[in-house]
């Protein structure tokens, strides 16, 4: 049998807080005549489905390095939060930092090659389709097949979901019979309805067949699949179908934490609210052959900000690459505990107090405290990607869109406000009608979910993208990103540019 060369990974089981952690590592080449064969083989084989969902700079894809969805550069924060009303424009480094913070994605047309381009994940989708076929063709037990395929379909759907938010529907191969045929040269975009249906199909399969609590921390689970399914419905404004998904998630046994800051601390990253998080390890350098890592304090702390472990961050005095806008900070209730993770004043290493009136360009985003790992190192705080607070606010939004500001919808918002913000109920003036309450829910989503990689989708869904960006001095054009000339050329006339470019 011929050799197949597939970049894969093996599981390194690391005990932390009494629970095994999933740690993907590059493995090498595979010989289909000897590997994979057993359930253990296929369990390792399937871990490559997690490559784009690691907290690393990149992952190896053939000869190229591709950014992960949770990379500090080109990842979800930069893609979906940076160019919004919540985060400042940053001109200090120029290039993508200025462009993305200004919500200007036009320069991506001229990317010189396939690096740092999420569109390349269309090929990764083909790899996932092949893995599914390999599992189906194996001789392992059907129950094992089903659960492993559910993991791969979760990855496939989540990649497709994120690419939809960047480019609109993209050409992907989901039928294994088309692999290795002329179909791979046809880069025609599918209909949006068909593309959405494929995402929904994969997520429903994943939700039906993934365990609620995997034996290995970090593997995909039922709640994650349902959360991404709900986000898919929400962003398509299919609120009717979103409601039962959200209600189902509420039955899975999760509960809101009453200390909001605990969601983002290493010691309490495994908690009653977080349903899935990208794994980070203390002291890791985030390279593709290393464990996941959290480098965000180096981007969010100004250059003269003295942290605990991060002593010399990468920004300038009073100015960090990632900083909140003062308008966003001022939008909080002064008593909202969620605002405590935005630092409006600090004493720099020269003993000078830095604030809005003394050189601080925007509040410091201190959502991930630097309180673990070696001095000066990257941190180990896991990055939550699905948590109950988000689901409850989406459910309130969906219920409001379907039936107006019902007591149930208002109740979900009030629960989040009380648990996370220490605040009383939503003001009565904010629930007088559907539109008024919808705008209030958008505010609550901003206050609860800032710097978690979902703001752009929220603004678009609520119809507030242009207004919100203009309110902080940004000039929005196209919220989608263009296909690079490199990939257009590879499409040989069958691939069309993103509308608006």
Protein backbone atom coordinates (compact mmCIF):
# COMPACT_ATOMS: atom_id res chain seq x y z
CA UNK A 1 0.00 0.00 0.00
CA UNK A 2 1.33 3.45 -0.86
CA UNK A 3 2.48 5.81 1.85
CA UNK A 4 0.32 8.81 2.74
CA UNK A 5 2.06 11.84 4.14
CA UNK A 6 -0.20 13.61 6.58
CA UNK A 7 0.88 16.05 9.27
CA UNK A 8 -0.50 14.63 12.48
CA UNK A 9 -0.03 14.82 16.23
CA UNK A 10 0.06 12.61 19.28
CA UNK A 11 -1.50 13.21 22.65
CA UNK A 12 0.72 14.17 25.54
CA UNK A 13 -1.26 13.61 28.72
CA UNK A 14 -0.33 16.23 31.25
CA UNK A 15 -1.83 16.12 34.71
CA UNK A 16 -2.97 19.54 35.86
CA UNK A 17 -5.46 20.31 38.61
CA UNK A 18 -6.17 16.60 38.77
CA UNK A 19 -7.30 16.36 35.14
CA UNK A 20 -5.58 15.14 32.00
CA UNK A 21 -4.90 17.80 29.37
CA UNK A 22 -4.85 17.40 25.63
CA UNK A 23 -1.50 18.53 24.24
CA UNK A 24 -1.10 18.13 20.47
CA UNK A 25 2.45 17.67 19.15
CA UNK A 26 3.72 17.24 15.61
CA UNK A 27 4.27 13.56 14.87
CA UNK A 28 5.62 13.18 11.32
CA UNK A 29 4.70 10.92 8.42
CA UNK A 30 2.29 8.01 8.40
CA UNK A 31 2.45 4.63 6.72
CA UNK A 32 -1.11 3.52 6.01
CA UNK A 33 -0.08 -0.15 6.09
CA UNK A 34 0.85 0.05 9.78
CA UNK A 35 -0.79 3.19 11.18
CA UNK A 36 -3.50 3.89 12.07
CA UNK A 37 -5.02 0.52 12.91
CA UNK A 38 -6.13 0.32 16.54
CA UNK A 39 -8.50 2.58 18.47
CA UNK A 40 -5.45 4.10 20.17
CA UNK A 41 -3.92 4.77 16.74
CA UNK A 42 -7.03 6.51 15.51
CA UNK A 43 -7.35 8.49 18.72
CA UNK A 44 -3.88 9.93 18.05
CA UNK A 45 -4.61 10.28 14.32
CA UNK A 46 -7.71 12.37 15.02
CA UNK A 47 -5.82 14.85 17.21
CA UNK A 48 -4.63 16.62 14.07
CA UNK A 49 -8.19 17.94 13.79
CA UNK A 50 -7.26 20.21 16.72
CA UNK A 51 -4.33 21.88 14.96
CA UNK A 52 -6.12 25.16 14.09
CA UNK A 53 -7.70 25.31 17.56
CA UNK A 54 -4.52 25.57 19.61
CA UNK A 55 -3.24 28.61 21.46
CA UNK A 56 -0.03 28.82 19.42
CA UNK A 57 1.51 31.16 16.89
CA UNK A 58 0.85 28.70 14.09
CA UNK A 59 0.66 25.08 13.01
CA UNK A 60 2.53 23.23 10.31
CA UNK A 61 0.51 22.68 7.14
CA UNK A 62 2.70 21.02 4.54
CA UNK A 63 5.69 23.27 3.99
CA UNK A 64 3.91 26.36 5.31
CA UNK A 65 3.00 27.64 8.75
CA UNK A 66 -0.62 28.69 9.16
CA UNK A 67 -2.04 30.84 11.98
CA UNK A 68 -4.27 29.13 14.49
CA UNK A 69 -7.65 30.61 15.33
CA UNK A 70 -6.35 31.44 18.80
CA UNK A 71 -3.01 32.93 17.81
CA UNK A 72 -2.26 36.41 19.16
CA UNK A 73 -1.59 37.49 15.56
CA UNK A 74 -4.20 36.75 12.89
CA UNK A 75 -6.26 34.94 15.54
CA UNK A 76 -9.82 35.57 16.68
CA UNK A 77 -8.98 38.59 18.89
CA UNK A 78 -7.22 40.38 16.04
CA UNK A 79 -9.78 39.24 13.47
CA UNK A 80 -13.01 39.88 15.37
CA UNK A 81 -12.31 42.27 18.28
CA UNK A 82 -9.45 44.51 17.21
CA UNK A 83 -11.25 46.44 14.50
CA UNK A 84 -14.34 47.22 16.60
CA UNK A 85 -15.57 49.83 19.04
CA UNK A 86 -14.04 48.01 22.01
CA UNK A 87 -10.37 48.34 21.04
CA UNK A 88 -8.10 51.25 20.15
CA UNK A 89 -6.43 51.94 16.84
CA UNK A 90 -2.71 51.24 17.23
CA UNK A 91 -0.23 52.90 14.90
CA UNK A 92 2.97 52.08 16.76
CA UNK A 93 3.96 49.02 14.78
CA UNK A 94 2.21 49.79 11.52
CA UNK A 95 1.34 46.93 9.17
CA UNK A 96 -1.38 44.54 10.22
CA UNK A 97 -1.65 46.07 13.69
CA UNK A 98 -2.66 49.44 12.32
CA UNK A 99 -4.72 47.94 9.51
CA UNK A 100 -6.67 45.46 11.60
CA UNK A 101 -7.21 47.94 14.44
CA UNK A 102 -8.63 50.38 11.89
CA UNK A 103 -10.85 47.62 10.41
CA UNK A 104 -9.01 47.97 7.10
CA UNK A 105 -8.57 44.54 5.53
CA UNK A 106 -7.87 45.65 1.96
CA UNK A 107 -4.07 45.12 2.24
CA UNK A 108 -4.69 41.39 2.65
CA UNK A 109 -5.30 41.25 -1.10
CA UNK A 110 -1.54 41.58 -1.58
CA UNK A 111 -0.32 38.92 0.82
CA UNK A 112 2.80 37.56 -0.90
CA UNK A 113 2.12 33.86 -0.30
CA UNK A 114 -0.18 31.50 1.53
CA UNK A 115 1.16 32.24 5.01
CA UNK A 116 -1.07 34.03 7.55
CA UNK A 117 -4.10 33.44 5.38
CA UNK A 118 -7.01 31.57 6.89
CA UNK A 119 -8.35 30.86 3.41
CA UNK A 120 -5.74 28.11 3.23
CA UNK A 121 -7.87 26.19 5.69
CA UNK A 122 -10.03 25.17 2.74
CA UNK A 123 -7.30 22.57 2.13
CA UNK A 124 -7.37 21.60 5.79
CA UNK A 125 -11.08 20.85 5.37
CA UNK A 126 -10.13 18.34 2.67
CA UNK A 127 -7.72 16.69 5.09
CA UNK A 128 -10.50 16.38 7.67
CA UNK A 129 -12.78 14.84 5.08
CA UNK A 130 -10.07 12.26 4.36
CA UNK A 131 -9.71 11.48 8.07
CA UNK A 132 -13.45 10.84 8.31
CA UNK A 133 -13.20 8.47 5.37
CA UNK A 134 -10.23 6.67 6.92
CA UNK A 135 -12.15 6.15 10.15
CA UNK A 136 -15.20 4.89 8.28
CA UNK A 137 -13.02 2.41 6.39
CA UNK A 138 -11.34 1.11 9.54
CA UNK A 139 -12.18 -2.04 11.47
CA UNK A 140 -12.53 -0.43 14.89
CA UNK A 141 -15.85 -0.69 16.74
CA UNK A 142 -18.71 1.44 15.48
CA UNK A 143 -19.09 3.29 18.78
CA UNK A 144 -15.44 4.34 18.62
CA UNK A 145 -15.82 5.32 14.97
CA UNK A 146 -18.81 7.50 15.76
CA UNK A 147 -17.15 9.43 18.58
CA UNK A 148 -13.91 9.98 16.66
CA UNK A 149 -15.80 11.12 13.56
CA UNK A 150 -17.77 13.51 15.79
CA UNK A 151 -14.50 15.16 16.84
CA UNK A 152 -13.39 15.59 13.25
CA UNK A 153 -16.77 16.93 12.14
CA UNK A 154 -16.66 19.38 15.04
CA UNK A 155 -13.33 20.67 13.75
CA UNK A 156 -14.57 20.81 10.17
CA UNK A 157 -17.69 22.77 11.08
CA UNK A 158 -15.87 25.20 13.39
CA UNK A 159 -13.26 25.95 10.73
CA UNK A 160 -16.03 26.52 8.19
CA UNK A 161 -17.87 28.76 10.68
CA UNK A 162 -14.85 31.01 11.19
CA UNK A 163 -14.06 31.16 7.46
CA UNK A 164 -17.66 32.19 6.82
CA UNK A 165 -17.20 35.16 9.16
CA UNK A 166 -14.06 36.20 7.25
CA UNK A 167 -14.86 35.53 3.58
CA UNK A 168 -18.45 34.40 3.23
CA UNK A 169 -18.98 30.86 1.90
CA UNK A 170 -15.75 29.27 0.67
CA UNK A 171 -15.20 26.20 -1.53
CA UNK A 172 -14.67 23.05 0.51
CA UNK A 173 -14.68 19.34 -0.20
CA UNK A 174 -16.92 17.34 2.13
CA UNK A 175 -17.42 14.32 -0.12
CA UNK A 176 -14.42 11.96 0.10
CA UNK A 177 -15.18 10.67 -3.42
CA UNK A 178 -14.06 14.08 -4.74
CA UNK A 179 -10.65 13.98 -3.09
CA UNK A 180 -7.84 13.53 -5.58
CA UNK A 181 -10.10 14.35 -8.52
CA UNK A 182 -10.63 17.38 -10.74
CA UNK A 183 -13.13 18.63 -8.15
CA UNK A 184 -10.15 19.91 -6.17
CA UNK A 185 -9.44 22.40 -8.95
CA UNK A 186 -12.99 23.81 -8.88
CA UNK A 187 -12.93 26.74 -6.45
CA UNK A 188 -16.49 27.89 -7.09
CA UNK A 189 -18.10 29.26 -3.95
CA UNK A 190 -21.14 27.30 -2.75
CA UNK A 191 -24.54 28.87 -2.08
CA UNK A 192 -24.70 30.34 1.39
CA UNK A 193 -27.71 28.19 2.29
CA UNK A 194 -25.85 25.02 1.28
CA UNK A 195 -22.73 26.05 3.17
CA UNK A 196 -24.74 26.79 6.32
CA UNK A 197 -26.58 23.47 5.99
CA UNK A 198 -23.24 21.65 5.90
CA UNK A 199 -22.02 23.42 9.04
CA UNK A 200 -25.28 22.64 10.82
CA UNK A 201 -25.14 18.98 9.75
CA UNK A 202 -21.61 18.54 11.12
CA UNK A 203 -22.43 20.35 14.37
CA UNK A 204 -25.60 18.36 14.96
CA UNK A 205 -23.66 15.12 14.45
CA UNK A 206 -20.96 16.36 16.83
CA UNK A 207 -23.48 17.44 19.47
CA UNK A 208 -25.27 14.09 19.27
CA UNK A 209 -22.12 12.00 19.57
CA UNK A 210 -19.52 13.90 21.59
CA UNK A 211 -19.38 13.23 25.34
CA UNK A 212 -20.51 15.87 27.78
CA UNK A 213 -17.28 15.47 29.74
CA UNK A 214 -14.41 13.88 27.77
CA UNK A 215 -11.89 11.85 29.75
CA UNK A 216 -9.12 14.09 28.42
CA UNK A 217 -9.42 17.80 29.16
CA UNK A 218 -9.24 19.78 25.95
CA UNK A 219 -11.02 17.37 23.63
CA UNK A 220 -14.19 18.68 22.01
CA UNK A 221 -17.45 18.12 23.88
CA UNK A 222 -21.22 18.29 23.43
CA UNK A 223 -21.61 21.80 24.90
CA UNK A 224 -19.01 23.27 22.54
CA UNK A 225 -20.75 21.78 19.51
CA UNK A 226 -24.10 23.17 20.64
CA UNK A 227 -22.60 26.60 21.35
CA UNK A 228 -21.04 26.91 17.89
CA UNK A 229 -24.34 25.65 16.41
CA UNK A 230 -26.19 28.36 18.32
CA UNK A 231 -23.73 31.01 17.12
CA UNK A 232 -24.24 29.81 13.55
CA UNK A 233 -28.02 30.21 13.83
CA UNK A 234 -27.66 33.56 15.59
CA UNK A 235 -25.33 35.06 13.00
CA UNK A 236 -27.71 33.94 10.24
CA UNK A 237 -30.52 35.59 12.25
CA UNK A 238 -32.29 32.27 12.50
CA UNK A 239 -33.44 33.03 16.02
CA UNK A 240 -36.24 30.47 15.98
CA UNK A 241 -33.78 27.59 15.59
CA UNK A 242 -31.29 29.20 18.00
CA UNK A 243 -33.74 29.18 20.94
CA UNK A 244 -34.04 25.39 21.48
CA UNK A 245 -30.27 24.99 21.13
CA UNK A 246 -29.67 27.55 23.85
CA UNK A 247 -32.31 25.97 26.06
CA UNK A 248 -30.68 22.57 25.60
CA UNK A 249 -27.30 23.92 26.68
CA UNK A 250 -28.90 25.20 29.88
CA UNK A 251 -29.85 21.63 30.80
CA UNK A 252 -26.26 20.30 30.63
CA UNK A 253 -25.35 21.17 34.20
CA UNK A 254 -23.22 24.31 33.81
CA UNK A 255 -23.69 27.32 36.09
CA UNK A 256 -22.48 30.91 36.17
CA UNK A 257 -19.47 31.68 38.33
CA UNK A 258 -19.96 34.48 40.83
CA UNK A 259 -16.39 35.75 40.52
CA UNK A 260 -16.05 36.98 36.92
CA UNK A 261 -12.28 37.32 37.13
CA UNK A 262 -11.94 33.64 38.05
CA UNK A 263 -12.88 32.67 34.48
CA UNK A 264 -9.51 33.94 33.29
CA UNK A 265 -7.15 32.79 36.05
CA UNK A 266 -5.04 29.68 35.67
CA UNK A 267 -5.96 28.35 39.12
CA UNK A 268 -9.70 28.47 38.34
CA UNK A 269 -9.75 27.98 34.56
CA UNK A 270 -11.65 24.71 35.01
CA UNK A 271 -14.88 25.92 36.53
CA UNK A 272 -18.67 25.52 36.46
CA UNK A 273 -19.19 27.97 33.58
CA UNK A 274 -16.47 27.40 30.98
CA UNK A 275 -17.53 24.66 28.58
CA UNK A 276 -14.38 24.55 26.44
CA UNK A 277 -11.09 26.46 26.43
CA UNK A 278 -7.90 26.49 24.40
CA UNK A 279 -5.15 24.98 26.56
CA UNK A 280 -2.13 27.01 27.64
CA UNK A 281 0.90 25.91 29.64
CA UNK A 282 3.26 27.97 31.79
CA UNK A 283 6.56 28.81 30.15
CA UNK A 284 5.64 27.54 26.68
CA UNK A 285 6.95 29.55 23.73
CA UNK A 286 3.92 28.83 21.53
CA UNK A 287 5.89 27.31 18.68
CA UNK A 288 4.11 24.74 16.55
CA UNK A 289 6.03 21.89 18.25
CA UNK A 290 5.41 23.25 21.76
CA UNK A 291 2.47 23.39 24.13
CA UNK A 292 -0.16 26.11 23.89
CA UNK A 293 0.55 29.44 25.55
CA UNK A 294 -1.05 32.76 26.48
CA UNK A 295 1.06 35.73 25.29
CA UNK A 296 -1.64 38.40 25.60
CA UNK A 297 -0.14 40.32 28.51
CA UNK A 298 2.83 41.19 26.29
CA UNK A 299 0.33 42.82 23.89
CA UNK A 300 -2.07 44.39 26.41
CA UNK A 301 0.37 45.86 28.95
CA UNK A 302 1.95 49.22 27.99
CA UNK A 303 5.73 49.23 27.81
CA UNK A 304 6.12 50.93 31.19
CA UNK A 305 3.52 48.75 32.93
CA UNK A 306 5.01 46.61 35.68
CA UNK A 307 3.24 43.29 35.92
CA UNK A 308 3.94 40.38 38.23
CA UNK A 309 5.56 37.92 35.84
CA UNK A 310 5.51 40.09 32.70
CA UNK A 311 8.01 42.82 33.54
CA UNK A 312 8.77 44.17 30.07
CA UNK A 313 5.77 44.03 27.73
CA UNK A 314 6.07 44.97 24.09
CA UNK A 315 4.10 48.21 23.93
CA UNK A 316 5.22 51.78 24.50
CA UNK A 317 4.88 54.00 27.57
CA UNK A 318 1.14 54.40 28.13
CA UNK A 319 0.36 52.69 24.84
CA UNK A 320 -0.20 48.97 24.24
CA UNK A 321 -0.82 47.23 20.90
CA UNK A 322 -4.11 45.88 22.31
CA UNK A 323 -5.97 48.42 24.44
CA UNK A 324 -9.60 49.23 25.11
CA UNK A 325 -11.22 52.47 23.98
CA UNK A 326 -12.16 55.01 26.61
CA UNK A 327 -15.67 55.06 25.15
CA UNK A 328 -16.06 51.36 25.87
CA UNK A 329 -14.68 51.76 29.39
CA UNK A 330 -17.03 54.66 30.07
CA UNK A 331 -20.03 52.64 28.88
CA UNK A 332 -19.86 50.38 31.96
CA UNK A 333 -21.78 51.01 35.14
CA UNK A 334 -19.15 52.28 37.57
CA UNK A 335 -20.05 49.43 39.94
CA UNK A 336 -19.80 46.69 37.32
CA UNK A 337 -17.19 44.19 38.51
CA UNK A 338 -16.47 43.21 34.91
CA UNK A 339 -14.91 46.62 34.37
CA UNK A 340 -12.32 45.86 37.04
CA UNK A 341 -10.36 43.90 34.44
CA UNK A 342 -9.84 47.15 32.51
CA UNK A 343 -7.15 49.22 34.24
CA UNK A 344 -7.68 52.97 33.92
CA UNK A 345 -4.72 54.03 36.03
CA UNK A 346 -1.39 52.46 37.01
CA UNK A 347 1.98 53.42 38.49
CA UNK A 348 4.78 52.87 36.00
CA UNK A 349 8.28 51.64 36.75
CA UNK A 350 9.41 55.24 37.32
CA UNK A 351 6.79 55.70 40.03
CA UNK A 352 4.60 57.97 37.90
CA UNK A 353 0.83 57.50 37.84
CA UNK A 354 -0.36 57.00 34.26
CA UNK A 355 -4.01 57.58 33.37
CA UNK A 356 -6.25 59.14 30.73
CA UNK A 357 -4.98 62.59 31.58
CA UNK A 358 -1.35 61.54 31.77
CA UNK A 359 -0.49 59.60 28.64
CA UNK A 360 -2.63 56.43 28.80
CA UNK A 361 -4.10 56.02 25.33
CA UNK A 362 -6.67 53.45 26.43
CA UNK A 363 -7.53 51.30 29.45
CA UNK A 364 -5.24 48.31 29.95
CA UNK A 365 -6.96 45.02 29.16
CA UNK A 366 -5.92 42.96 32.18
CA UNK A 367 -8.33 40.09 31.62
CA UNK A 368 -5.57 37.47 31.90
CA UNK A 369 -3.51 38.12 35.06
CA UNK A 370 0.20 37.32 34.84
CA UNK A 371 0.47 35.32 38.03
CA UNK A 372 2.00 32.04 36.97
CA UNK A 373 4.95 30.67 35.05
CA UNK A 374 8.61 31.70 35.14
CA UNK A 375 9.41 35.39 35.54
CA UNK A 376 9.12 37.17 32.21
CA UNK A 377 7.47 34.25 30.47
CA UNK A 378 4.26 33.76 28.56
CA UNK A 379 1.36 32.74 30.76
CA UNK A 380 -0.75 29.61 31.29
CA UNK A 381 -4.28 31.02 31.46
CA UNK A 382 -6.51 28.89 29.24
CA UNK A 383 -8.55 30.87 26.69
CA UNK A 384 -12.31 30.27 27.15
CA UNK A 385 -14.09 29.72 23.83
CA UNK A 386 -17.51 28.60 25.02
CA UNK A 387 -19.06 29.56 28.31
CA UNK A 388 -22.52 29.77 29.82
CA UNK A 389 -22.67 33.56 30.15
CA UNK A 390 -22.38 33.92 26.38
CA UNK A 391 -25.09 31.32 25.80
CA UNK A 392 -27.50 32.98 28.23
CA UNK A 393 -27.07 36.38 26.58
CA UNK A 394 -27.54 34.87 23.11
CA UNK A 395 -30.64 33.06 24.32
CA UNK A 396 -32.04 36.30 25.70
CA UNK A 397 -31.34 37.95 22.34
CA UNK A 398 -33.00 35.14 20.39
CA UNK A 399 -36.08 35.04 22.64
CA UNK A 400 -36.41 38.80 22.33
CA UNK A 401 -36.23 38.61 18.54
CA UNK A 402 -38.92 35.92 18.48
CA UNK A 403 -41.34 37.21 21.14
CA UNK A 404 -40.08 40.58 22.35
CA UNK A 405 -38.73 41.37 25.83
CA UNK A 406 -40.29 38.47 27.74
CA UNK A 407 -39.71 37.83 31.43
CA UNK A 408 -37.62 34.78 30.49
CA UNK A 409 -35.34 36.80 28.20
CA UNK A 410 -34.92 39.60 30.74
CA UNK A 411 -34.25 37.02 33.44
CA UNK A 412 -31.27 35.54 31.62
CA UNK A 413 -29.66 38.96 31.27
CA UNK A 414 -30.32 39.72 34.92
CA UNK A 415 -28.68 36.46 35.98
CA UNK A 416 -25.50 37.33 34.08
CA UNK A 417 -25.50 40.89 35.41
CA UNK A 418 -25.87 39.70 38.99
CA UNK A 419 -23.35 36.86 38.86
CA UNK A 420 -20.63 38.57 36.83
CA UNK A 421 -21.18 42.27 37.41
CA UNK A 422 -22.68 42.34 40.88
CA UNK A 423 -25.42 44.52 39.43
CA UNK A 424 -29.17 44.79 39.85
CA UNK A 425 -31.79 44.12 37.17
CA UNK A 426 -31.84 45.66 33.71
CA UNK A 427 -33.39 49.16 33.88
CA UNK A 428 -37.10 49.11 33.00
CA UNK A 429 -36.44 51.75 30.34
CA UNK A 430 -34.27 49.23 28.47
CA UNK A 431 -37.07 46.68 28.08
CA UNK A 432 -39.90 48.80 26.69
CA UNK A 433 -39.83 47.13 23.27
CA UNK A 434 -37.91 44.63 21.16
CA UNK A 435 -35.48 47.08 19.55
CA UNK A 436 -34.63 48.87 22.79
CA UNK A 437 -33.96 45.61 24.60
CA UNK A 438 -31.94 44.29 21.66
CA UNK A 439 -29.59 47.27 21.89
CA UNK A 440 -29.26 46.74 25.63
CA UNK A 441 -28.37 43.08 25.14
CA UNK A 442 -25.63 44.17 22.71
CA UNK A 443 -24.21 46.33 25.49
CA UNK A 444 -24.33 43.43 27.93
CA UNK A 445 -22.58 41.18 25.43
CA UNK A 446 -19.83 43.77 25.10
CA UNK A 447 -19.42 44.15 28.84
CA UNK A 448 -19.32 40.40 29.44
CA UNK A 449 -17.45 39.11 26.39
CA UNK A 450 -14.89 41.78 25.55
CA UNK A 451 -11.53 40.44 24.36
CA UNK A 452 -12.98 36.99 23.72
CA UNK A 453 -13.16 37.18 19.92
CA UNK A 454 -16.83 37.67 19.06
CA UNK A 455 -17.50 41.41 18.93
CA UNK A 456 -17.57 41.88 15.15
CA UNK A 457 -20.24 39.19 14.74
CA UNK A 458 -22.30 40.71 17.55
CA UNK A 459 -22.23 44.17 15.99
CA UNK A 460 -23.14 42.86 12.54
CA UNK A 461 -25.95 40.69 13.90
CA UNK A 462 -27.46 43.59 15.83
CA UNK A 463 -27.12 45.92 12.83
CA UNK A 464 -24.71 48.24 14.67
CA UNK A 465 -21.36 47.59 12.99
CA UNK A 466 -20.99 50.87 11.10
CA UNK A 467 -22.38 53.07 13.87
CA UNK A 468 -20.26 51.46 16.56
CA UNK A 469 -16.99 51.85 14.66
CA UNK A 470 -17.75 55.43 13.68
CA UNK A 471 -18.42 56.24 17.33
CA UNK A 472 -14.73 55.60 18.11
CA UNK A 473 -13.32 57.31 15.03
CA UNK A 474 -12.92 54.28 12.77
CA UNK A 475 -14.05 54.26 9.15
CA UNK A 476 -15.55 50.85 8.41
CA UNK A 477 -15.70 49.63 4.84
CA UNK A 478 -16.14 45.89 4.32
CA UNK A 479 -16.36 43.77 7.45
CA UNK A 480 -15.38 40.71 5.42
CA UNK A 481 -11.84 40.11 4.21
CA UNK A 482 -10.62 39.76 0.63
CA UNK A 483 -9.21 36.66 -0.98
CA UNK A 484 -5.50 37.22 -1.62
CA UNK A 485 -4.21 37.48 -5.18
CA UNK A 486 -2.18 34.35 -4.43
CA UNK A 487 -5.31 32.30 -3.82
CA UNK A 488 -7.28 33.92 -6.63
CA UNK A 489 -4.53 32.86 -9.01
CA UNK A 490 -4.59 29.35 -7.57
CA UNK A 491 -8.33 29.26 -8.30
CA UNK A 492 -7.62 29.64 -12.03
CA UNK A 493 -10.73 31.67 -12.68
CA UNK A 494 -13.15 29.54 -10.66
CA UNK A 495 -12.68 31.44 -7.39
CA UNK A 496 -14.45 34.80 -7.05
CA UNK A 497 -13.29 37.67 -4.86
CA UNK A 498 -15.15 38.47 -1.66
CA UNK A 499 -18.06 40.82 -2.48
CA UNK A 500 -17.07 44.45 -2.08
CA UNK A 501 -13.41 44.08 -3.13
